[in-house]
């Protein structure tokens, strides 16, 4: 039998949390083994800091569904994420990295030092241009609490 590893997927939305546990075989194929959905229990228009609700809901879901800690893949609410698509000319890899950083600074509506950001090359246009998606989120929205999901 192929050796498997576990991965936890976590979707933190504005009003609910979805957690899923996957077994990943040696060939990389994931298989859903467990999941749970939990309501955060706060109003969408509330000024309340949701951090304690998020931690409590995750702990409760893990306990209820007997999910143990494992490497984590996580999503966050789309309202907190700022995506931007850009097209870049065909250039060397070093120049491309400079251009991506420049485009991030120009397109993200917050100071670059206040965001966590990354990019993904999504192919060329057929004319040599590169399509890139830049994604940024304010650092304050992705801060972590060590050991929160134990």
N, C-alpha and C. Protein backbone atom coordinates (compact mmCIF):
# COMPACT_ATOMS: atom_id res chain seq x y z
N UNK A 1 0.84 -1.19 0.00
CA UNK A 1 0.00 0.00 0.00
C UNK A 1 0.87 1.23 0.00
N UNK A 2 0.47 2.26 -0.73
CA UNK A 2 1.24 3.50 -0.84
C UNK A 2 1.22 4.25 0.50
N UNK A 3 2.36 4.84 0.83
CA UNK A 3 2.47 5.64 2.04
C UNK A 3 1.65 6.93 1.87
N UNK A 4 0.93 7.33 2.92
CA UNK A 4 0.13 8.54 2.83
C UNK A 4 0.56 9.56 3.86
N UNK A 5 0.30 10.81 3.56
CA UNK A 5 0.51 11.92 4.46
C UNK A 5 -0.83 12.62 4.60
N UNK A 6 -0.99 13.32 5.70
CA UNK A 6 -2.22 14.04 5.94
C UNK A 6 -2.03 15.53 5.70
N UNK A 7 -3.08 16.17 5.24
CA UNK A 7 -3.11 17.62 5.06
C UNK A 7 -4.46 18.10 5.57
N UNK A 8 -4.43 19.23 6.26
CA UNK A 8 -5.66 19.87 6.71
C UNK A 8 -5.89 21.08 5.81
N UNK A 9 -7.11 21.20 5.29
CA UNK A 9 -7.51 22.37 4.52
C UNK A 9 -8.48 23.17 5.38
N UNK A 10 -8.26 24.47 5.44
CA UNK A 10 -9.07 25.32 6.29
C UNK A 10 -9.56 26.52 5.49
N UNK A 11 -10.86 26.72 5.48
CA UNK A 11 -11.46 27.86 4.80
C UNK A 11 -12.11 28.73 5.87
N UNK A 12 -11.52 29.89 6.12
CA UNK A 12 -12.05 30.82 7.10
C UNK A 12 -12.84 31.88 6.35
N UNK A 13 -14.14 31.81 6.47
CA UNK A 13 -15.01 32.77 5.81
C UNK A 13 -15.48 33.84 6.77
N UNK A 14 -16.34 34.71 6.30
CA UNK A 14 -16.84 35.80 7.13
C UNK A 14 -17.79 35.30 8.21
N UNK A 15 -18.51 34.19 7.97
CA UNK A 15 -19.48 33.72 8.94
C UNK A 15 -19.34 32.25 9.31
N UNK A 16 -18.51 31.51 8.59
CA UNK A 16 -18.35 30.09 8.90
C UNK A 16 -16.93 29.63 8.60
N UNK A 17 -16.61 28.47 9.14
CA UNK A 17 -15.31 27.84 8.91
C UNK A 17 -15.56 26.44 8.39
N UNK A 18 -14.81 26.05 7.38
CA UNK A 18 -14.86 24.69 6.86
C UNK A 18 -13.47 24.10 7.04
N UNK A 19 -13.42 22.92 7.63
CA UNK A 19 -12.15 22.22 7.81
C UNK A 19 -12.28 20.86 7.15
N UNK A 20 -11.24 20.46 6.45
CA UNK A 20 -11.24 19.16 5.78
C UNK A 20 -9.89 18.50 5.99
N UNK A 21 -9.93 17.20 6.18
CA UNK A 21 -8.71 16.41 6.35
C UNK A 21 -8.57 15.52 5.13
N UNK A 22 -7.37 15.53 4.56
CA UNK A 22 -7.09 14.72 3.38
C UNK A 22 -5.92 13.79 3.65
N UNK A 23 -6.01 12.59 3.12
CA UNK A 23 -4.87 11.69 3.06
C UNK A 23 -4.28 11.87 1.66
N UNK A 24 -2.98 12.09 1.59
CA UNK A 24 -2.33 12.31 0.30
C UNK A 24 -1.38 11.14 0.06
N UNK A 25 -1.65 10.40 -0.98
CA UNK A 25 -0.81 9.24 -1.29
C UNK A 25 0.53 9.67 -1.86
N UNK A 26 1.42 8.74 -1.97
CA UNK A 26 2.77 9.02 -2.47
C UNK A 26 2.74 9.62 -3.88
N UNK A 27 1.73 9.28 -4.67
CA UNK A 27 1.64 9.84 -6.03
C UNK A 27 0.97 11.22 -6.04
N UNK A 28 0.60 11.74 -4.86
CA UNK A 28 0.07 13.10 -4.75
C UNK A 28 -1.44 13.22 -4.84
N UNK A 29 -2.14 12.11 -4.98
CA UNK A 29 -3.60 12.17 -5.10
C UNK A 29 -4.23 12.33 -3.71
N UNK A 30 -4.98 13.42 -3.50
CA UNK A 30 -5.64 13.62 -2.20
C UNK A 30 -6.95 12.84 -2.12
N UNK A 31 -7.28 12.37 -0.92
CA UNK A 31 -8.54 11.70 -0.67
C UNK A 31 -9.15 12.30 0.59
N UNK A 32 -10.35 12.83 0.48
CA UNK A 32 -11.04 13.42 1.62
C UNK A 32 -11.34 12.32 2.63
N UNK A 33 -10.88 12.51 3.87
CA UNK A 33 -11.13 11.52 4.91
C UNK A 33 -12.04 12.03 6.02
N UNK A 34 -12.17 13.36 6.14
CA UNK A 34 -12.96 13.92 7.22
C UNK A 34 -13.22 15.39 6.93
N UNK A 35 -14.35 15.92 7.38
CA UNK A 35 -14.60 17.35 7.22
C UNK A 35 -15.63 17.81 8.24
N UNK A 36 -15.65 19.11 8.44
CA UNK A 36 -16.64 19.71 9.33
C UNK A 36 -16.88 21.15 8.94
N UNK A 37 -18.08 21.63 9.24
CA UNK A 37 -18.46 23.01 8.98
C UNK A 37 -18.97 23.61 10.28
N UNK A 38 -18.46 24.79 10.62
CA UNK A 38 -18.88 25.44 11.85
C UNK A 38 -19.23 26.89 11.65
N UNK A 39 -20.31 27.31 12.28
CA UNK A 39 -20.76 28.70 12.24
C UNK A 39 -19.94 29.50 13.25
N UNK A 40 -19.44 30.66 12.84
CA UNK A 40 -18.65 31.48 13.75
C UNK A 40 -19.49 32.10 14.86
N UNK A 41 -20.76 32.27 14.63
CA UNK A 41 -21.64 32.80 15.66
C UNK A 41 -21.54 34.30 15.87
N UNK A 42 -21.07 35.03 14.85
CA UNK A 42 -21.04 36.49 14.94
C UNK A 42 -21.77 37.08 13.75
N UNK A 43 -22.30 38.26 13.94
CA UNK A 43 -23.00 38.95 12.87
C UNK A 43 -22.00 39.52 11.87
N UNK A 44 -22.33 39.49 10.59
CA UNK A 44 -21.44 39.98 9.55
C UNK A 44 -21.11 41.46 9.72
N UNK A 45 -22.05 42.25 10.21
CA UNK A 45 -21.83 43.68 10.35
C UNK A 45 -21.30 44.06 11.73
N UNK A 46 -20.93 43.07 12.52
CA UNK A 46 -20.44 43.31 13.88
C UNK A 46 -19.04 43.90 13.86
N UNK A 47 -18.76 44.77 14.82
CA UNK A 47 -17.43 45.37 14.98
C UNK A 47 -16.54 44.49 15.87
N UNK A 48 -17.08 43.36 16.34
CA UNK A 48 -16.37 42.45 17.22
C UNK A 48 -15.16 41.85 16.51
N UNK A 49 -14.03 41.75 17.22
CA UNK A 49 -12.85 41.08 16.68
C UNK A 49 -13.16 39.59 16.58
N UNK A 50 -13.11 39.02 15.37
CA UNK A 50 -13.51 37.61 15.21
C UNK A 50 -12.45 36.60 15.64
N UNK A 51 -11.26 37.04 16.03
CA UNK A 51 -10.16 36.11 16.31
C UNK A 51 -10.52 35.01 17.29
N UNK A 52 -11.11 35.37 18.42
CA UNK A 52 -11.43 34.34 19.42
C UNK A 52 -12.51 33.40 18.92
N UNK A 53 -13.44 33.91 18.10
CA UNK A 53 -14.48 33.06 17.53
C UNK A 53 -13.86 32.06 16.55
N UNK A 54 -12.91 32.53 15.75
CA UNK A 54 -12.24 31.67 14.77
C UNK A 54 -11.50 30.55 15.49
N UNK A 55 -10.69 30.91 16.49
CA UNK A 55 -9.91 29.91 17.23
C UNK A 55 -10.84 28.91 17.90
N UNK A 56 -11.87 29.39 18.55
CA UNK A 56 -12.81 28.52 19.25
C UNK A 56 -13.52 27.56 18.28
N UNK A 57 -13.94 28.08 17.14
CA UNK A 57 -14.64 27.25 16.15
C UNK A 57 -13.71 26.19 15.58
N UNK A 58 -12.47 26.55 15.28
CA UNK A 58 -11.52 25.58 14.75
C UNK A 58 -11.26 24.48 15.78
N UNK A 59 -11.00 24.87 17.01
CA UNK A 59 -10.76 23.87 18.07
C UNK A 59 -11.97 22.94 18.22
N UNK A 60 -13.16 23.53 18.23
CA UNK A 60 -14.37 22.72 18.36
C UNK A 60 -14.55 21.74 17.22
N UNK A 61 -14.32 22.19 15.99
CA UNK A 61 -14.45 21.32 14.83
C UNK A 61 -13.42 20.19 14.87
N UNK A 62 -12.19 20.52 15.24
CA UNK A 62 -11.15 19.50 15.30
C UNK A 62 -11.48 18.45 16.37
N UNK A 63 -11.97 18.91 17.49
CA UNK A 63 -12.34 17.99 18.58
C UNK A 63 -13.54 17.13 18.16
N UNK A 64 -14.57 17.78 17.64
CA UNK A 64 -15.80 17.08 17.25
C UNK A 64 -15.56 16.02 16.18
N UNK A 65 -14.66 16.31 15.23
CA UNK A 65 -14.43 15.39 14.11
C UNK A 65 -13.13 14.60 14.26
N UNK A 66 -12.53 14.68 15.44
CA UNK A 66 -11.30 13.93 15.75
C UNK A 66 -10.21 14.17 14.70
N UNK A 67 -10.01 15.45 14.36
CA UNK A 67 -8.98 15.83 13.41
C UNK A 67 -7.76 16.29 14.20
N UNK A 68 -6.63 15.67 13.94
CA UNK A 68 -5.38 16.01 14.62
C UNK A 68 -4.58 17.00 13.77
N UNK A 69 -3.68 17.72 14.42
CA UNK A 69 -2.86 18.71 13.72
C UNK A 69 -2.06 18.05 12.59
N UNK A 70 -1.90 18.77 11.51
CA UNK A 70 -1.16 18.31 10.33
C UNK A 70 -0.78 19.56 9.53
N UNK A 71 0.06 19.40 8.49
CA UNK A 71 0.34 20.56 7.63
C UNK A 71 -0.97 21.17 7.13
N UNK A 72 -0.98 22.49 6.99
CA UNK A 72 -2.21 23.23 6.73
C UNK A 72 -2.18 23.96 5.40
N UNK A 73 -3.26 23.84 4.66
CA UNK A 73 -3.54 24.67 3.49
C UNK A 73 -4.73 25.51 3.88
N UNK A 74 -4.63 26.83 3.71
CA UNK A 74 -5.67 27.69 4.23
C UNK A 74 -6.13 28.72 3.21
N UNK A 75 -7.41 29.03 3.25
CA UNK A 75 -7.96 30.13 2.46
C UNK A 75 -8.51 31.17 3.43
N UNK A 76 -8.65 32.37 2.94
CA UNK A 76 -9.27 33.42 3.75
C UNK A 76 -10.37 34.08 2.95
N UNK A 77 -11.23 34.79 3.63
CA UNK A 77 -12.37 35.43 3.00
C UNK A 77 -11.93 36.29 1.82
N UNK A 78 -12.65 36.18 0.72
CA UNK A 78 -12.35 36.96 -0.47
C UNK A 78 -12.42 38.45 -0.26
N UNK A 79 -13.17 38.88 0.75
CA UNK A 79 -13.27 40.30 1.05
C UNK A 79 -11.97 40.87 1.58
N UNK A 80 -11.09 40.02 2.09
CA UNK A 80 -9.83 40.47 2.66
C UNK A 80 -8.67 40.41 1.66
N UNK A 81 -8.90 39.76 0.53
CA UNK A 81 -7.84 39.52 -0.44
C UNK A 81 -7.98 40.49 -1.61
N UNK A 82 -6.84 41.00 -2.06
CA UNK A 82 -6.82 41.93 -3.19
C UNK A 82 -6.08 41.28 -4.36
N UNK A 83 -6.79 40.76 -5.37
CA UNK A 83 -6.11 40.18 -6.55
C UNK A 83 -5.99 41.21 -7.67
N UNK A 84 -4.95 41.11 -8.46
CA UNK A 84 -4.78 41.99 -9.61
C UNK A 84 -4.07 41.20 -10.71
N UNK A 85 -4.62 41.23 -11.91
CA UNK A 85 -4.01 40.58 -13.07
C UNK A 85 -3.19 41.60 -13.84
N UNK A 86 -1.98 41.22 -14.21
CA UNK A 86 -1.13 42.11 -15.00
C UNK A 86 -0.51 41.33 -16.15
N UNK A 87 -0.20 42.03 -17.22
CA UNK A 87 0.50 41.46 -18.37
C UNK A 87 1.88 42.07 -18.41
N UNK A 88 2.89 41.23 -18.57
CA UNK A 88 4.26 41.69 -18.61
C UNK A 88 4.91 41.26 -19.92
N UNK A 89 5.81 42.07 -20.44
CA UNK A 89 6.47 41.73 -21.70
C UNK A 89 7.45 40.58 -21.51
N UNK A 90 7.84 39.93 -22.61
CA UNK A 90 8.81 38.85 -22.52
C UNK A 90 10.19 39.42 -22.17
N UNK A 91 10.69 39.04 -21.01
CA UNK A 91 12.01 39.49 -20.54
C UNK A 91 12.70 38.34 -19.82
N UNK A 92 13.95 38.56 -19.44
CA UNK A 92 14.68 37.53 -18.69
C UNK A 92 14.05 37.33 -17.32
N UNK A 93 14.34 36.20 -16.71
CA UNK A 93 13.75 35.88 -15.39
C UNK A 93 14.10 36.93 -14.34
N UNK A 94 15.36 37.41 -14.29
CA UNK A 94 15.75 38.43 -13.32
C UNK A 94 14.93 39.71 -13.52
N UNK A 95 14.81 40.14 -14.74
CA UNK A 95 14.04 41.35 -15.03
C UNK A 95 12.56 41.14 -14.71
N UNK A 96 12.06 39.93 -15.00
CA UNK A 96 10.66 39.61 -14.70
C UNK A 96 10.38 39.77 -13.21
N UNK A 97 11.26 39.28 -12.35
CA UNK A 97 11.06 39.40 -10.90
C UNK A 97 11.04 40.87 -10.47
N UNK A 98 11.89 41.69 -11.07
CA UNK A 98 11.88 43.13 -10.77
C UNK A 98 10.56 43.77 -11.19
N UNK A 99 10.08 43.37 -12.35
CA UNK A 99 8.83 43.94 -12.86
C UNK A 99 7.64 43.52 -12.00
N UNK A 100 7.64 42.27 -11.56
CA UNK A 100 6.55 41.79 -10.71
C UNK A 100 6.52 42.58 -9.41
N UNK A 101 7.68 42.80 -8.80
CA UNK A 101 7.74 43.57 -7.56
C UNK A 101 7.25 45.01 -7.81
N UNK A 102 7.68 45.60 -8.91
CA UNK A 102 7.23 46.96 -9.26
C UNK A 102 5.71 46.99 -9.43
N UNK A 103 5.17 46.02 -10.16
CA UNK A 103 3.72 45.97 -10.39
C UNK A 103 2.96 45.79 -9.08
N UNK A 104 3.51 45.01 -8.17
CA UNK A 104 2.86 44.85 -6.86
C UNK A 104 2.83 46.18 -6.13
N UNK A 105 3.92 46.90 -6.13
CA UNK A 105 3.97 48.20 -5.46
C UNK A 105 2.98 49.18 -6.08
N UNK A 106 2.81 49.11 -7.40
CA UNK A 106 1.92 50.04 -8.10
C UNK A 106 0.45 49.66 -7.99
N UNK A 107 0.15 48.38 -7.93
CA UNK A 107 -1.24 47.92 -8.00
C UNK A 107 -1.90 47.62 -6.66
N UNK A 108 -1.13 47.36 -5.64
CA UNK A 108 -1.71 47.07 -4.33
C UNK A 108 -2.05 48.40 -3.67
N UNK A 109 -3.28 48.58 -3.20
CA UNK A 109 -3.70 49.88 -2.69
C UNK A 109 -3.26 50.18 -1.24
N UNK A 110 -2.28 49.45 -0.76
CA UNK A 110 -1.74 49.66 0.58
C UNK A 110 -0.22 49.71 0.46
N UNK A 111 0.47 50.31 1.44
CA UNK A 111 1.93 50.26 1.41
C UNK A 111 2.40 48.80 1.38
N UNK A 112 3.34 48.50 0.52
CA UNK A 112 3.78 47.12 0.30
C UNK A 112 4.30 46.47 1.58
N UNK A 113 4.84 47.25 2.51
CA UNK A 113 5.34 46.68 3.77
C UNK A 113 4.20 46.32 4.73
N UNK A 114 2.96 46.70 4.40
CA UNK A 114 1.81 46.38 5.25
C UNK A 114 1.02 45.18 4.72
N UNK A 115 1.50 44.55 3.66
CA UNK A 115 0.78 43.43 3.07
C UNK A 115 1.67 42.21 2.93
N UNK A 116 1.03 41.05 2.95
CA UNK A 116 1.67 39.82 2.52
C UNK A 116 1.19 39.63 1.08
N UNK A 117 2.10 39.42 0.17
CA UNK A 117 1.69 39.29 -1.22
C UNK A 117 2.51 38.21 -1.91
N UNK A 118 1.95 37.71 -2.99
CA UNK A 118 2.64 36.71 -3.80
C UNK A 118 2.10 36.82 -5.21
N UNK A 119 2.64 36.04 -6.09
CA UNK A 119 2.21 36.07 -7.49
C UNK A 119 2.21 34.66 -8.03
N UNK A 120 1.52 34.48 -9.14
CA UNK A 120 1.54 33.21 -9.86
C UNK A 120 1.54 33.52 -11.35
N UNK A 121 2.47 32.92 -12.05
CA UNK A 121 2.48 33.03 -13.51
C UNK A 121 1.32 32.18 -14.02
N UNK A 122 0.50 32.74 -14.88
CA UNK A 122 -0.65 31.98 -15.36
C UNK A 122 -0.63 31.80 -16.88
N UNK A 123 0.55 31.87 -17.46
CA UNK A 123 0.69 31.59 -18.88
C UNK A 123 0.98 32.81 -19.70
N UNK A 124 1.29 32.55 -20.96
CA UNK A 124 1.55 33.69 -21.84
C UNK A 124 0.36 33.90 -22.76
N UNK A 125 0.34 35.05 -23.38
CA UNK A 125 -0.80 35.45 -24.21
C UNK A 125 -0.70 34.93 -25.64
N UNK A 126 0.38 34.23 -25.95
CA UNK A 126 0.59 33.78 -27.32
C UNK A 126 1.49 34.73 -28.08
N UNK A 127 1.60 35.97 -27.60
CA UNK A 127 2.48 36.95 -28.24
C UNK A 127 3.75 37.15 -27.41
N UNK A 128 3.97 36.26 -26.46
CA UNK A 128 5.17 36.36 -25.63
C UNK A 128 4.96 37.06 -24.31
N UNK A 129 3.87 37.81 -24.19
CA UNK A 129 3.58 38.47 -22.91
C UNK A 129 3.26 37.42 -21.85
N UNK A 130 3.58 37.74 -20.61
CA UNK A 130 3.28 36.85 -19.50
C UNK A 130 2.08 37.38 -18.72
N UNK A 131 1.11 36.53 -18.45
CA UNK A 131 0.00 36.88 -17.57
C UNK A 131 0.38 36.49 -16.16
N UNK A 132 0.19 37.42 -15.23
CA UNK A 132 0.56 37.20 -13.84
C UNK A 132 -0.61 37.64 -12.97
N UNK A 133 -0.89 36.85 -11.94
CA UNK A 133 -1.85 37.31 -10.95
C UNK A 133 -1.07 37.65 -9.69
N UNK A 134 -1.30 38.86 -9.20
CA UNK A 134 -0.74 39.31 -7.93
C UNK A 134 -1.85 39.20 -6.90
N UNK A 135 -1.53 38.71 -5.72
CA UNK A 135 -2.53 38.60 -4.66
C UNK A 135 -1.91 39.18 -3.40
N UNK A 136 -2.64 40.07 -2.75
CA UNK A 136 -2.16 40.70 -1.52
C UNK A 136 -3.24 40.66 -0.46
N UNK A 137 -2.81 40.63 0.78
CA UNK A 137 -3.71 40.71 1.92
C UNK A 137 -2.98 41.49 3.00
N UNK A 138 -3.70 42.34 3.71
CA UNK A 138 -3.06 43.12 4.78
C UNK A 138 -2.53 42.16 5.84
N UNK A 139 -1.32 42.41 6.30
CA UNK A 139 -0.68 41.55 7.29
C UNK A 139 -1.55 41.40 8.53
N UNK A 140 -2.22 42.46 8.92
CA UNK A 140 -3.07 42.39 10.12
C UNK A 140 -4.20 41.38 9.98
N UNK A 141 -4.56 41.01 8.74
CA UNK A 141 -5.62 40.04 8.52
C UNK A 141 -5.14 38.60 8.48
N UNK A 142 -3.83 38.39 8.50
CA UNK A 142 -3.30 37.03 8.46
C UNK A 142 -2.37 36.72 9.62
N UNK A 143 -2.42 37.53 10.67
CA UNK A 143 -1.57 37.23 11.81
C UNK A 143 -1.98 35.90 12.40
N UNK A 144 -1.03 35.19 13.00
CA UNK A 144 -1.31 33.87 13.53
C UNK A 144 -1.10 33.86 15.03
N UNK A 145 -1.76 32.95 15.66
CA UNK A 145 -1.59 32.70 17.08
C UNK A 145 -0.93 31.35 17.21
N UNK A 146 0.33 31.28 17.68
CA UNK A 146 0.99 29.98 17.78
C UNK A 146 0.17 29.01 18.62
N UNK A 147 0.00 27.80 18.08
CA UNK A 147 -0.71 26.76 18.82
C UNK A 147 -2.21 26.94 18.86
N UNK A 148 -2.77 27.84 18.06
CA UNK A 148 -4.20 28.13 18.15
C UNK A 148 -5.07 26.94 17.79
N UNK A 149 -4.62 26.08 16.89
CA UNK A 149 -5.48 24.99 16.44
C UNK A 149 -5.22 23.69 17.18
N UNK A 150 -4.55 23.73 18.29
CA UNK A 150 -4.28 22.48 19.03
C UNK A 150 -5.46 22.04 19.82
